C-alpha atoms as a PDB file:
ATOM      1  CA  MET A   1    -277.645 -78.602  -2.268  1.00  0.00           C
ATOM      2  CA  ALA A   2    -275.002 -76.669  -4.223  1.00  0.00           C
ATOM      3  CA  THR A   3    -277.294 -76.598  -7.265  1.00  0.00           C
ATOM      4  CA  THR A   4    -280.100 -75.070  -5.214  1.00  0.00           C
ATOM      5  CA  GLU A   5    -277.781 -72.433  -3.762  1.00  0.00           C
ATOM      6  CA  THR A   6    -276.435 -71.622  -7.229  1.00  0.00           C
ATOM      7  CA  SER A   7    -279.951 -71.236  -8.633  1.00  0.00           C
ATOM      8  CA  THR A   8    -280.890 -68.962  -5.741  1.00  0.00           C
ATOM      9  CA  LYS A   9    -277.815 -66.817  -6.312  1.00  0.00           C
ATOM     10  CA  LEU A  10    -278.576 -66.557 -10.029  1.00  0.00           C
ATOM     11  CA  LYS A  11    -282.122 -65.502  -9.195  1.00  0.00           C
ATOM     12  CA  GLY A  12    -280.715 -62.798  -6.940  1.00  0.00           C
ATOM     13  CA  PHE A  13    -278.306 -61.513  -9.589  1.00  0.00           C
ATOM     14  CA  ILE A  14    -280.995 -61.470 -12.295  1.00  0.00           C
ATOM     15  CA  THR A  15    -283.400 -59.674  -9.960  1.00  0.00           C
ATOM     16  CA  MET A  16    -280.775 -57.081  -9.035  1.00  0.00           C
ATOM     17  CA  PHE A  17    -279.853 -56.583 -12.690  1.00  0.00           C
ATOM     18  CA  LEU A  18    -283.492 -55.950 -13.599  1.00  0.00           C
ATOM     19  CA  SER A  19    -283.852 -53.596 -10.642  1.00  0.00           C
ATOM     20  CA  SER A  20    -280.784 -51.519 -11.510  1.00  0.00           C
ATOM     21  CA  SER A  21    -281.804 -51.447 -15.183  1.00  0.00           C
ATOM     22  CA  ALA A  22    -285.260 -50.136 -14.282  1.00  0.00           C
ATOM     23  CA  MET A  23    -283.802 -47.515 -11.952  1.00  0.00           C
ATOM     24  CA  GLY A  24    -281.454 -46.401 -14.727  1.00  0.00           C
ATOM     25  CA  GLY A  25    -284.439 -45.062 -16.633  1.00  0.00           C
ATOM     26  CA  ILE A  26    -285.312 -42.286 -14.180  1.00  0.00           C
ATOM     27  CA  GLY A  27    -282.947 -39.817 -15.815  1.00  0.00           C
ATOM     28  CA  ALA A  28    -284.534 -40.315 -19.227  1.00  0.00           C
ATOM     29  CA  PHE A  29    -288.077 -40.075 -17.865  1.00  0.00           C
ATOM     30  CA  ALA A  30    -287.243 -36.988 -15.807  1.00  0.00           C
ATOM     31  CA  ARG A  31    -286.454 -35.013 -18.950  1.00  0.00           C
ATOM     32  CA  TYR A  32    -290.136 -35.160 -19.868  1.00  0.00           C
ATOM     33  CA  ILE A  33    -291.423 -34.289 -16.392  1.00  0.00           C
ATOM     34  CA  GLU A  34    -291.686 -30.653 -15.343  1.00  0.00           C
ATOM     35  CA  ALA A  35    -291.949 -31.463 -11.628  1.00  0.00           C
ATOM     36  CA  PRO A  36    -289.126 -30.931  -9.098  1.00  0.00           C
ATOM     37  CA  GLY A  37    -287.039 -33.992  -8.277  1.00  0.00           C
ATOM     38  CA  ILE A  38    -288.314 -34.439  -4.738  1.00  0.00           C
ATOM     39  CA  PHE A  39    -291.901 -34.705  -6.014  1.00  0.00           C
ATOM     40  CA  ILE A  40    -290.856 -37.279  -8.629  1.00  0.00           C
ATOM     41  CA  ALA A  41    -289.214 -39.329  -5.872  1.00  0.00           C
ATOM     42  CA  LEU A  42    -292.361 -39.119  -3.733  1.00  0.00           C
ATOM     43  CA  CYS A  43    -294.492 -40.380  -6.626  1.00  0.00           C
ATOM     44  CA  ARG A  44    -292.112 -43.319  -7.161  1.00  0.00           C
ATOM     45  CA  SER A  45    -292.616 -44.493  -3.579  1.00  0.00           C
ATOM     46  CA  ILE A  46    -296.369 -43.858  -3.649  1.00  0.00           C
ATOM     47  CA  ALA A  47    -296.580 -45.983  -6.794  1.00  0.00           C
ATOM     48  CA  GLY A  48    -294.743 -48.757  -4.957  1.00  0.00           C
ATOM     49  CA  LEU A  49    -297.099 -48.564  -2.000  1.00  0.00           C
ATOM     50  CA  ILE A  50    -300.125 -48.698  -4.339  1.00  0.00           C
ATOM     51  CA  MET A  51    -298.663 -51.684  -6.194  1.00  0.00           C
ATOM     52  CA  MET A  52    -297.962 -53.635  -3.016  1.00  0.00           C
ATOM     53  CA  THR A  53    -301.400 -52.809  -1.563  1.00  0.00           C
ATOM     54  CA  LEU A  54    -303.083 -54.157  -4.711  1.00  0.00           C
ATOM     55  CA  ILE A  55    -300.940 -57.296  -4.611  1.00  0.00           C
ATOM     56  CA  PHE A  56    -301.889 -57.959  -0.991  1.00  0.00           C
ATOM     57  CA  LEU A  57    -305.576 -57.259  -1.658  1.00  0.00           C
ATOM     58  CA  PHE A  58    -306.085 -59.321  -4.814  1.00  0.00           C
ATOM     59  CA  ALA A  59    -303.743 -62.170  -3.825  1.00  0.00           C
ATOM     60  CA  LYS A  60    -305.080 -62.166  -0.261  1.00  0.00           C
ATOM     61  CA  ARG A  61    -301.578 -62.050   1.164  1.00  0.00           C
ATOM     62  CA  PHE A  62    -302.249 -59.988   4.277  1.00  0.00           C
ATOM     63  CA  VAL A  63    -301.902 -63.245   6.211  1.00  0.00           C
ATOM     64  CA  LYS A  64    -298.157 -62.786   5.721  1.00  0.00           C
ATOM     65  CA  PHE A  65    -298.285 -60.023   8.318  1.00  0.00           C
ATOM     66  CA  LYS A  66    -299.283 -62.535  10.986  1.00  0.00           C
ATOM     67  CA  GLY A  67    -296.687 -62.435  13.745  1.00  0.00           C
ATOM     68  CA  PHE A  68    -294.775 -59.641  12.017  1.00  0.00           C
ATOM     69  CA  LYS A  69    -293.107 -57.126  14.316  1.00  0.00           C
ATOM     70  CA  ILE A  70    -291.842 -53.723  13.279  1.00  0.00           C
ATOM     71  CA  THR A  71    -288.298 -53.150  14.532  1.00  0.00           C
ATOM     72  CA  PRO A  72    -285.869 -50.246  14.028  1.00  0.00           C
ATOM     73  CA  SER A  73    -284.145 -51.982  11.102  1.00  0.00           C
ATOM     74  CA  ILE A  74    -287.504 -52.302   9.308  1.00  0.00           C
ATOM     75  CA  VAL A  75    -288.260 -48.620   9.839  1.00  0.00           C
ATOM     76  CA  MET A  76    -284.782 -47.441   8.862  1.00  0.00           C
ATOM     77  CA  SER A  77    -284.649 -49.414   5.600  1.00  0.00           C
ATOM     78  CA  GLY A  78    -287.807 -47.584   4.489  1.00  0.00           C
ATOM     79  CA  VAL A  79    -286.474 -44.223   5.653  1.00  0.00           C
ATOM     80  CA  PHE A  80    -283.173 -44.751   3.827  1.00  0.00           C
ATOM     81  CA  LEU A  81    -285.031 -45.868   0.693  1.00  0.00           C
ATOM     82  CA  GLY A  82    -286.958 -42.598   0.704  1.00  0.00           C
ATOM     83  CA  LEU A  83    -283.835 -40.551   1.367  1.00  0.00           C
ATOM     84  CA  LEU A  84    -281.692 -42.169  -1.325  1.00  0.00           C
ATOM     85  CA  SER A  85    -284.390 -41.593  -3.925  1.00  0.00           C
ATOM     86  CA  GLY A  86    -285.411 -38.106  -2.851  1.00  0.00           C
ATOM     87  CA  LEU A  87    -281.965 -36.671  -2.209  1.00  0.00           C
ATOM     88  CA  TYR A  88    -280.542 -38.056  -5.456  1.00  0.00           C
ATOM     89  CA  VAL A  89    -283.252 -36.706  -7.762  1.00  0.00           C
ATOM     90  CA  TRP A  90    -283.167 -33.392  -5.871  1.00  0.00           C
ATOM     91  CA  SER A  91    -279.376 -33.177  -6.225  1.00  0.00           C
ATOM     92  CA  THR A  92    -279.529 -33.612 -10.018  1.00  0.00           C
ATOM     93  CA  GLN A  93    -281.244 -30.226 -10.159  1.00  0.00           C
ATOM     94  CA  LEU A  94    -278.604 -28.501  -8.027  1.00  0.00           C
ATOM     95  CA  THR A  95    -275.324 -29.948  -9.327  1.00  0.00           C
ATOM     96  CA  THR A  96    -273.978 -31.642 -12.449  1.00  0.00           C
ATOM     97  CA  LEU A  97    -275.337 -35.065 -13.394  1.00  0.00           C
ATOM     98  CA  ALA A  98    -271.792 -36.457 -13.206  1.00  0.00           C
ATOM     99  CA  ASN A  99    -271.332 -35.181  -9.653  1.00  0.00           C
ATOM    100  CA  ALA A 100    -274.744 -36.497  -8.539  1.00  0.00           C
ATOM    101  CA  ALA A 101    -274.169 -39.922 -10.100  1.00  0.00           C
ATOM    102  CA  PHE A 102    -270.658 -40.273  -8.668  1.00  0.00           C
ATOM    103  CA  LEU A 103    -271.668 -39.282  -5.145  1.00  0.00           C
ATOM    104  CA  ILE A 104    -274.710 -41.578  -4.918  1.00  0.00           C
ATOM    105  CA  TYR A 105    -272.618 -44.476  -6.234  1.00  0.00           C
ATOM    106  CA  THR A 106    -270.240 -44.197  -3.311  1.00  0.00           C
ATOM    107  CA  GLY A 107    -273.132 -45.835  -1.419  1.00  0.00           C
ATOM    108  CA  PRO A 108    -272.522 -49.471  -2.417  1.00  0.00           C
ATOM    109  CA  ILE A 109    -268.945 -49.150  -1.189  1.00  0.00           C
ATOM    110  CA  TYR A 110    -270.137 -48.001   2.240  1.00  0.00           C
ATOM    111  CA  SER A 111    -272.589 -50.910   2.463  1.00  0.00           C
ATOM    112  CA  THR A 112    -269.937 -53.473   1.547  1.00  0.00           C
ATOM    113  CA  ILE A 113    -267.555 -52.179   4.217  1.00  0.00           C
ATOM    114  CA  LEU A 114    -270.291 -51.989   6.884  1.00  0.00           C
ATOM    115  CA  ALA A 115    -271.531 -55.501   6.111  1.00  0.00           C
ATOM    116  CA  SER A 116    -267.988 -56.820   6.311  1.00  0.00           C
ATOM    117  CA  ILE A 117    -267.494 -55.246   9.754  1.00  0.00           C
ATOM    118  CA  PHE A 118    -270.874 -55.762  11.417  1.00  0.00           C
ATOM    119  CA  LEU A 119    -272.326 -58.788   9.608  1.00  0.00           C
ATOM    120  CA  LYS A 120    -269.004 -60.539   9.028  1.00  0.00           C
ATOM    121  CA  GLU A 121    -269.875 -60.934   5.369  1.00  0.00           C
ATOM    122  CA  PRO A 122    -266.795 -61.968   3.361  1.00  0.00           C
ATOM    123  CA  PHE A 123    -264.703 -59.189   1.824  1.00  0.00           C
ATOM    124  CA  THR A 124    -262.814 -61.434  -0.567  1.00  0.00           C
ATOM    125  CA  LYS A 125    -260.378 -60.781  -3.396  1.00  0.00           C
ATOM    126  CA  VAL A 126    -263.253 -61.400  -5.800  1.00  0.00           C
ATOM    127  CA  THR A 127    -265.257 -58.620  -4.125  1.00  0.00           C
ATOM    128  CA  VAL A 128    -262.276 -56.263  -4.284  1.00  0.00           C
ATOM    129  CA  VAL A 129    -261.637 -56.955  -7.981  1.00  0.00           C
ATOM    130  CA  SER A 130    -265.301 -56.792  -8.984  1.00  0.00           C
ATOM    131  CA  LEU A 131    -266.129 -53.682  -6.971  1.00  0.00           C
ATOM    132  CA  SER A 132    -262.964 -51.896  -8.112  1.00  0.00           C
ATOM    133  CA  SER A 133    -263.764 -52.724 -11.740  1.00  0.00           C
ATOM    134  CA  VAL A 134    -267.359 -51.512 -11.644  1.00  0.00           C
ATOM    135  CA  PHE A 135    -266.503 -48.376  -9.641  1.00  0.00           C
ATOM    136  CA  LEU A 136    -263.744 -47.410 -12.064  1.00  0.00           C
ATOM    137  CA  GLY A 137    -266.138 -48.139 -14.923  1.00  0.00           C
ATOM    138  CA  CYS A 138    -268.705 -45.881 -13.255  1.00  0.00           C
ATOM    139  CA  LEU A 139    -266.185 -43.027 -13.071  1.00  0.00           C
ATOM    140  CA  LEU A 140    -265.444 -43.435 -16.777  1.00  0.00           C
ATOM    141  CA  ILE A 141    -269.012 -43.753 -18.004  1.00  0.00           C
ATOM    142  CA  ILE A 142    -270.346 -40.729 -16.084  1.00  0.00           C
ATOM    143  CA  GLY A 143    -267.354 -38.568 -16.960  1.00  0.00           C
ATOM    144  CA  ILE A 144    -265.582 -38.126 -13.628  1.00  0.00           C
ATOM    145  CA  ILE A 145    -262.548 -39.583 -15.400  1.00  0.00           C
ATOM    146  CA  ASN A 146    -262.383 -38.229 -18.934  1.00  0.00           C
ATOM    147  CA  TYR A 147    -259.997 -37.841 -21.828  1.00  0.00           C
ATOM    148  CA  THR A 148    -259.880 -35.162 -24.485  1.00  0.00           C
ATOM    149  CA  GLU A 149    -257.187 -34.361 -27.032  1.00  0.00           C
ATOM    150  CA  GLY A 150    -256.714 -30.865 -25.690  1.00  0.00           C
ATOM    151  CA  ASP A 151    -256.642 -31.572 -21.959  1.00  0.00           C
ATOM    152  CA  GLY A 152    -255.577 -35.208 -21.920  1.00  0.00           C
ATOM    153  CA  LEU A 153    -256.731 -37.338 -18.983  1.00  0.00           C
ATOM    154  CA  THR A 154    -258.704 -35.369 -16.398  1.00  0.00           C
ATOM    155  CA  VAL A 155    -259.961 -36.566 -13.019  1.00  0.00           C
ATOM    156  CA  GLY A 156    -262.240 -34.917 -10.512  1.00  0.00           C
ATOM    157  CA  LEU A 157    -265.590 -33.501  -9.475  1.00  0.00           C
ATOM    158  CA  ASP A 158    -266.779 -30.080 -10.540  1.00  0.00           C
ATOM    159  CA  LEU A 159    -266.125 -28.210  -7.293  1.00  0.00           C
ATOM    160  CA  ASP A 160    -267.559 -24.899  -8.448  1.00  0.00           C
ATOM    161  CA  PRO A 161    -269.013 -23.200  -5.309  1.00  0.00           C
ATOM    162  CA  GLN A 162    -272.398 -22.942  -7.025  1.00  0.00           C
ATOM    163  CA  TYR A 163    -272.644 -26.752  -6.841  1.00  0.00           C
ATOM    164  CA  MET A 164    -271.725 -27.050  -3.155  1.00  0.00           C
ATOM    165  CA  THR A 165    -275.293 -27.511  -1.924  1.00  0.00           C
ATOM    166  CA  GLY A 166    -276.082 -30.007  -4.670  1.00  0.00           C
ATOM    167  CA  ASN A 167    -272.882 -31.943  -4.004  1.00  0.00           C
ATOM    168  CA  LEU A 168    -273.657 -32.217  -0.297  1.00  0.00           C
ATOM    169  CA  ILE A 169    -277.208 -33.419  -1.036  1.00  0.00           C
ATOM    170  CA  ALA A 170    -275.828 -35.949  -3.531  1.00  0.00           C
ATOM    171  CA  LEU A 171    -273.322 -37.165  -0.940  1.00  0.00           C
ATOM    172  CA  GLY A 172    -276.236 -37.570   1.469  1.00  0.00           C
ATOM    173  CA  SER A 173    -278.009 -39.702  -1.124  1.00  0.00           C
ATOM    174  CA  GLY A 174    -274.915 -41.892  -1.372  1.00  0.00           C
ATOM    175  CA  VAL A 175    -274.779 -42.372   2.394  1.00  0.00           C
ATOM    176  CA  ALA A 176    -278.511 -43.199   2.405  1.00  0.00           C
ATOM    177  CA  TYR A 177    -278.009 -45.691  -0.445  1.00  0.00           C
ATOM    178  CA  GLY A 178    -275.210 -47.446   1.407  1.00  0.00           C
ATOM    179  CA  LEU A 179    -277.171 -47.574   4.663  1.00  0.00           C
ATOM    180  CA  TYR A 180    -280.239 -48.894   2.819  1.00  0.00           C
ATOM    181  CA  LEU A 181    -278.285 -51.782   1.286  1.00  0.00           C
ATOM    182  CA  PHE A 182    -276.662 -52.487   4.653  1.00  0.00           C
ATOM    183  CA  VAL A 183    -279.802 -52.355   6.805  1.00  0.00           C
ATOM    184  CA  SER A 184    -281.691 -54.453   4.238  1.00  0.00           C
ATOM    185  CA  ARG A 185    -279.403 -57.350   5.092  1.00  0.00           C
ATOM    186  CA  TYR A 186    -281.010 -57.492   8.561  1.00  0.00           C
ATOM    187  CA  ARG A 187    -284.300 -59.213   9.393  1.00  0.00           C
ATOM    188  CA  GLN A 188    -283.915 -61.874   6.701  1.00  0.00           C
ATOM    189  CA  ASP A 189    -286.809 -63.671   8.414  1.00  0.00           C
ATOM    190  CA  VAL A 190    -289.269 -61.136   6.954  1.00  0.00           C
ATOM    191  CA  ASP A 191    -291.112 -62.089   3.749  1.00  0.00           C
ATOM    192  CA  SER A 192    -290.010 -60.041   0.691  1.00  0.00           C
ATOM    193  CA  ASP A 193    -293.537 -58.773   0.003  1.00  0.00           C
ATOM    194  CA  VAL A 194    -293.973 -57.621   3.589  1.00  0.00           C
ATOM    195  CA  ARG A 195    -290.554 -55.949   3.551  1.00  0.00           C
ATOM    196  CA  ALA A 196    -291.358 -54.188   0.278  1.00  0.00           C
ATOM    197  CA  PHE A 197    -294.700 -52.965   1.661  1.00  0.00           C
ATOM    198  CA  THR A 198    -293.098 -51.517   4.793  1.00  0.00           C
ATOM    199  CA  ASN A 199    -290.182 -50.071   2.797  1.00  0.00           C
ATOM    200  CA  PHE A 200    -292.538 -48.166   0.534  1.00  0.00           C
ATOM    201  CA  GLY A 201    -294.691 -47.089   3.473  1.00  0.00           C
ATOM    202  CA  PHE A 202    -291.865 -45.554   5.493  1.00  0.00           C
ATOM    203  CA  ALA A 203    -290.290 -44.131   2.314  1.00  0.00           C
ATOM    204  CA  VAL A 204    -293.550 -42.288   1.548  1.00  0.00           C
ATOM    205  CA  VAL A 205    -293.659 -40.836   5.076  1.00  0.00           C
ATOM    206  CA  THR A 206    -290.030 -39.705   4.775  1.00  0.00           C
ATOM    207  CA  LEU A 207    -290.577 -38.096   1.374  1.00  0.00           C
ATOM    208  CA  LEU A 208    -293.791 -36.408   2.492  1.00  0.00           C
ATOM    209  CA  ILE A 209    -291.796 -34.710   5.251  1.00  0.00           C
ATOM    210  CA  LEU A 210    -289.124 -33.594   2.755  1.00  0.00           C
ATOM    211  CA  THR A 211    -291.797 -32.395   0.336  1.00  0.00           C
ATOM    212  CA  PHE A 212    -293.457 -30.361   3.099  1.00  0.00           C
ATOM    213  CA  ILE A 213    -290.099 -28.761   3.931  1.00  0.00           C
ATOM    214  CA  ILE A 214    -289.140 -28.008   0.318  1.00  0.00           C
ATOM    215  CA  GLN A 215    -292.663 -27.239  -0.981  1.00  0.00           C
ATOM    216  CA  PRO A 216    -292.001 -27.985  -4.685  1.00  0.00           C
ATOM    217  CA  ASP A 217    -293.675 -25.865  -7.367  1.00  0.00           C
ATOM    218  CA  LEU A 218    -295.908 -27.938  -9.694  1.00  0.00           C
ATOM    219  CA  SER A 219    -297.329 -25.020 -11.657  1.00  0.00           C
ATOM    220  CA  GLU A 220    -295.401 -25.893 -14.831  1.00  0.00           C
ATOM    221  CA  MET A 221    -296.607 -29.492 -15.041  1.00  0.00           C
ATOM    222  CA  THR A 222    -298.229 -30.372 -18.382  1.00  0.00           C
ATOM    223  CA  THR A 223    -300.591 -33.224 -19.259  1.00  0.00           C
ATOM    224  CA  ARG A 224    -297.703 -35.029 -20.917  1.00  0.00           C
ATOM    225  CA  GLY A 225    -295.606 -34.504 -17.803  1.00  0.00           C
ATOM    226  CA  TRP A 226    -298.245 -36.090 -15.556  1.00  0.00           C
ATOM    227  CA  ILE A 227    -298.600 -39.094 -17.886  1.00  0.00           C
ATOM    228  CA  VAL A 228    -294.840 -39.643 -18.040  1.00  0.00           C
ATOM    229  CA  LEU A 229    -294.601 -39.195 -14.267  1.00  0.00           C
ATOM    230  CA  VAL A 230    -297.135 -41.984 -13.630  1.00  0.00           C
ATOM    231  CA  ILE A 231    -295.307 -44.345 -16.006  1.00  0.00           C
ATOM    232  CA  ALA A 232    -291.921 -43.464 -14.527  1.00  0.00           C
ATOM    233  CA  ALA A 233    -293.211 -43.874 -10.974  1.00  0.00           C
ATOM    234  CA  PHE A 234    -294.298 -47.456 -11.566  1.00  0.00           C
ATOM    235  CA  ILE A 235    -291.359 -48.579 -13.727  1.00  0.00           C
ATOM    236  CA  THR A 236    -288.419 -46.820 -12.063  1.00  0.00           C
ATOM    237  CA  GLY A 237    -290.003 -46.761  -8.619  1.00  0.00           C
ATOM    238  CA  ALA A 238    -292.517 -49.488  -7.799  1.00  0.00           C
ATOM    239  CA  VAL A 239    -290.998 -52.254  -9.930  1.00  0.00           C
ATOM    240  CA  ALA A 240    -287.358 -51.255  -9.473  1.00  0.00           C
ATOM    241  CA  PHE A 241    -287.486 -50.853  -5.678  1.00  0.00           C
ATOM    242  CA  TYR A 242    -289.555 -54.013  -5.220  1.00  0.00           C
ATOM    243  CA  LEU A 243    -286.982 -56.042  -7.161  1.00  0.00           C
ATOM    244  CA  LEU A 244    -284.234 -54.401  -5.101  1.00  0.00           C
ATOM    245  CA  THR A 245    -285.959 -55.572  -1.908  1.00  0.00           C
ATOM    246  CA  VAL A 246    -286.151 -59.136  -3.252  1.00  0.00           C
ATOM    247  CA  ALA A 247    -282.494 -59.110  -4.341  1.00  0.00           C
ATOM    248  CA  SER A 248    -281.291 -57.744  -0.991  1.00  0.00           C
ATOM    249  CA  LYS A 249    -282.785 -60.800   0.711  1.00  0.00           C
ATOM    250  CA  ILE A 250    -280.683 -63.129  -1.461  1.00  0.00           C
ATOM    251  CA  LEU A 251    -277.372 -61.448  -2.200  1.00  0.00           C
ATOM    252  CA  LEU A 252    -274.591 -60.319   0.112  1.00  0.00           C
ATOM    253  CA  ALA A 253    -273.840 -56.600   0.323  1.00  0.00           C
ATOM    254  CA  GLY A 254    -270.789 -56.879  -1.934  1.00  0.00           C
ATOM    255  CA  GLU A 255    -272.762 -58.748  -4.571  1.00  0.00           C
ATOM    256  CA  LEU A 256    -275.563 -56.183  -4.450  1.00  0.00           C
ATOM    257  CA  ALA A 257    -273.011 -53.401  -4.777  1.00  0.00           C
ATOM    258  CA  THR A 258    -271.367 -54.887  -7.866  1.00  0.00           C
ATOM    259  CA  ILE A 259    -274.570 -55.356  -9.850  1.00  0.00           C
ATOM    260  CA  SER A 260    -276.034 -51.988  -8.813  1.00  0.00           C
ATOM    261  CA  TYR A 261    -273.577 -50.201 -11.114  1.00  0.00           C
ATOM    262  CA  GLN A 262    -275.299 -51.708 -14.155  1.00  0.00           C
ATOM    263  CA  GLU A 263    -277.743 -48.818 -13.737  1.00  0.00           C
ATOM    264  CA  THR A 264    -275.217 -46.449 -15.313  1.00  0.00           C
ATOM    265  CA  ILE A 265    -275.054 -48.610 -18.440  1.00  0.00           C
ATOM    266  CA  MET A 266    -278.845 -48.497 -18.849  1.00  0.00           C
ATOM    267  CA  ALA A 267    -278.845 -44.725 -18.378  1.00  0.00           C
ATOM    268  CA  THR A 268    -276.172 -44.382 -21.050  1.00  0.00           C
ATOM    269  CA  ILE A 269    -278.017 -46.649 -23.499  1.00  0.00           C
ATOM    270  CA  LEU A 270    -281.246 -44.692 -23.028  1.00  0.00           C
ATOM    271  CA  GLY A 271    -279.362 -41.454 -23.618  1.00  0.00           C
ATOM    272  CA  ILE A 272    -278.030 -42.797 -26.916  1.00  0.00           C
ATOM    273  CA  VAL A 273    -281.333 -44.275 -28.116  1.00  0.00           C
ATOM    274  CA  LEU A 274    -283.745 -41.543 -27.000  1.00  0.00           C
ATOM    275  CA  PHE A 275    -281.636 -38.390 -27.158  1.00  0.00           C
ATOM    276  CA  SER A 276    -278.984 -39.261 -29.761  1.00  0.00           C
ATOM    277  CA  GLU A 277    -276.215 -38.760 -27.228  1.00  0.00           C
ATOM    278  CA  SER A 278    -272.801 -39.879 -28.369  1.00  0.00           C
ATOM    279  CA  LEU A 279    -270.787 -42.667 -26.746  1.00  0.00           C
ATOM    280  CA  THR A 280    -267.123 -41.870 -26.356  1.00  0.00           C
ATOM    281  CA  LEU A 281    -264.386 -44.459 -26.371  1.00  0.00           C
ATOM    282  CA  ILE A 282    -263.689 -43.867 -22.682  1.00  0.00           C
ATOM    283  CA  GLN A 283    -267.391 -44.339 -21.820  1.00  0.00           C
ATOM    284  CA  ALA A 284    -267.385 -47.592 -23.779  1.00  0.00           C
ATOM    285  CA  LEU A 285    -264.353 -48.692 -21.753  1.00  0.00           C
ATOM    286  CA  GLY A 286    -266.250 -47.797 -18.583  1.00  0.00           C
ATOM    287  CA  GLY A 287    -269.218 -49.893 -19.676  1.00  0.00           C
ATOM    288  CA  ALA A 288    -266.915 -52.810 -20.440  1.00  0.00           C
ATOM    289  CA  LEU A 289    -265.361 -52.597 -16.968  1.00  0.00           C
ATOM    290  CA  ILE A 290    -268.812 -52.573 -15.338  1.00  0.00           C
ATOM    291  CA  LEU A 291    -269.882 -55.611 -17.358  1.00  0.00           C
ATOM    292  CA  PHE A 292    -266.636 -57.400 -16.530  1.00  0.00           C
ATOM    293  CA  GLY A 293    -266.989 -56.710 -12.810  1.00  0.00           C
ATOM    294  CA  GLY A 294    -270.588 -57.893 -12.778  1.00  0.00           C
ATOM    295  CA  ILE A 295    -269.934 -61.067 -14.767  1.00  0.00           C
ATOM    296  CA  PHE A 296    -266.836 -61.855 -12.714  1.00  0.00           C
ATOM    297  CA  GLN A 297    -268.828 -61.504  -9.473  1.00  0.00           C
ATOM    298  CA  ILE A 298    -271.678 -63.678 -10.780  1.00  0.00           C
ATOM    299  CA  PHE A 299    -269.284 -66.373 -11.995  1.00  0.00           C
ATOM    300  CA  ALA A 300    -267.342 -66.414  -8.720  1.00  0.00           C
ATOM    301  CA  SER A 301    -270.471 -66.471  -6.549  1.00  0.00           C
ATOM    302  CA  THR A 302    -272.196 -69.283  -8.443  1.00  0.00           C
ATOM    303  CA  ARG A 303    -269.137 -71.372  -9.292  1.00  0.00           C
ATOM    304  CA  LYS A 304    -268.788 -72.755  -5.816  1.00  0.00           C
ATOM    305  CA  SER A 305    -271.309 -73.783  -3.209  1.00  0.00           C
ATOM    306  CA  ALA A 306    -272.369 -70.719  -1.228  1.00  0.00           C
ATOM    307  CA  PRO A 307    -271.391 -70.760   2.444  1.00  0.00           C
ATOM    308  CA  ALA A 308    -274.073 -70.771   5.092  1.00  0.00           C
ATOM    309  CA  GLU A 309    -275.640 -67.337   5.214  1.00  0.00           C
ATOM    310  CA  VAL A 310    -274.799 -65.073   8.112  1.00  0.00           C
ATOM    311  CA  ASP A 311    -277.614 -64.701  10.580  1.00  0.00           C
ATOM    312  CA  ALA A 312    -278.555 -61.108   9.869  1.00  0.00           C
ATOM    313  CA  SER A 313    -279.655 -60.562  13.438  1.00  0.00           C
ATOM    314  CA  GLU A 314    -276.180 -61.288  14.738  1.00  0.00           C
ATOM    315  CA  GLY A 315    -273.849 -58.363  15.251  1.00  0.00           C
ATOM    316  CA  LEU A 316    -276.737 -55.930  15.483  1.00  0.00           C
ATOM    317  CA  PRO A 317    -277.696 -54.446  18.823  1.00  0.00           C
ATOM    318  CA  ALA A 318    -280.940 -55.895  20.152  1.00  0.00           C
ATOM    319  CA  ARG A 319    -282.680 -52.521  19.884  1.00  0.00           C
ATOM    320  CA  MET A 320    -282.028 -52.485  16.122  1.00  0.00           C
ATOM    321  CA  GLN A 321    -283.236 -55.987  15.204  1.00  0.00           C
END
């Protein structure tokens, strides 16, 4: 029994690692796309909906919808998926990349705390150590904590008033990210493919509303930009968000949170390989802390037999199940 639980946990960690790695590529792709961030986010979710529709059609999996009931938690996970994607990419165009990255990555902390309170998921010393390590590593690798010979060690966001709107939007993306990870822990009875399909569907509706409000200008889009956008939509959207849905069915909120920070390492690697960006010693230390936190969490979670999973319908008001 323990072996089966360990294998399942490992599958969840590998799936989450692949998901966060794929999502880490959006920054690199976006540099070749002339479209506004909100439109890029919309295309990512549309690509996911297309992918899931094709899977259901060719594999004849629509039977999985038999007996399926849409509940508020199903709707909200899709809405939050759309918001976390749309608000984050939008915020990168209105504030610094460091600010945007830091504020969205407050999300996994929110989800861990909420799951501990409402789902009674364990908030152990291992979770504290792992999450603290990866969060500190995140601050180092994105530059919130930095060191230069002239200024020494510096800590903080860029609070220039011109970034206020972008910072607030980025904070909203972090809240949406945390709520997505939290709400995804409910309705564990739903098949992963069905959950992914509904997530993408409600995310598309959410992003269409935002797009209508913002009305992005696509006049500068080039042929190359459209090609890169399609590729980015399927890799960093369809594949990444689908794998995230699968992982959220297996891992606890704290485990999801720890591995999600691996995305910053992938973004940094792509920056070095594709754009010849330099890696500072303090960024390397940040990457090491993220790797340590992730490996420590994986080792601790798979070393012992996993406890019986919390019934994700418990602790949630009946109207939300």
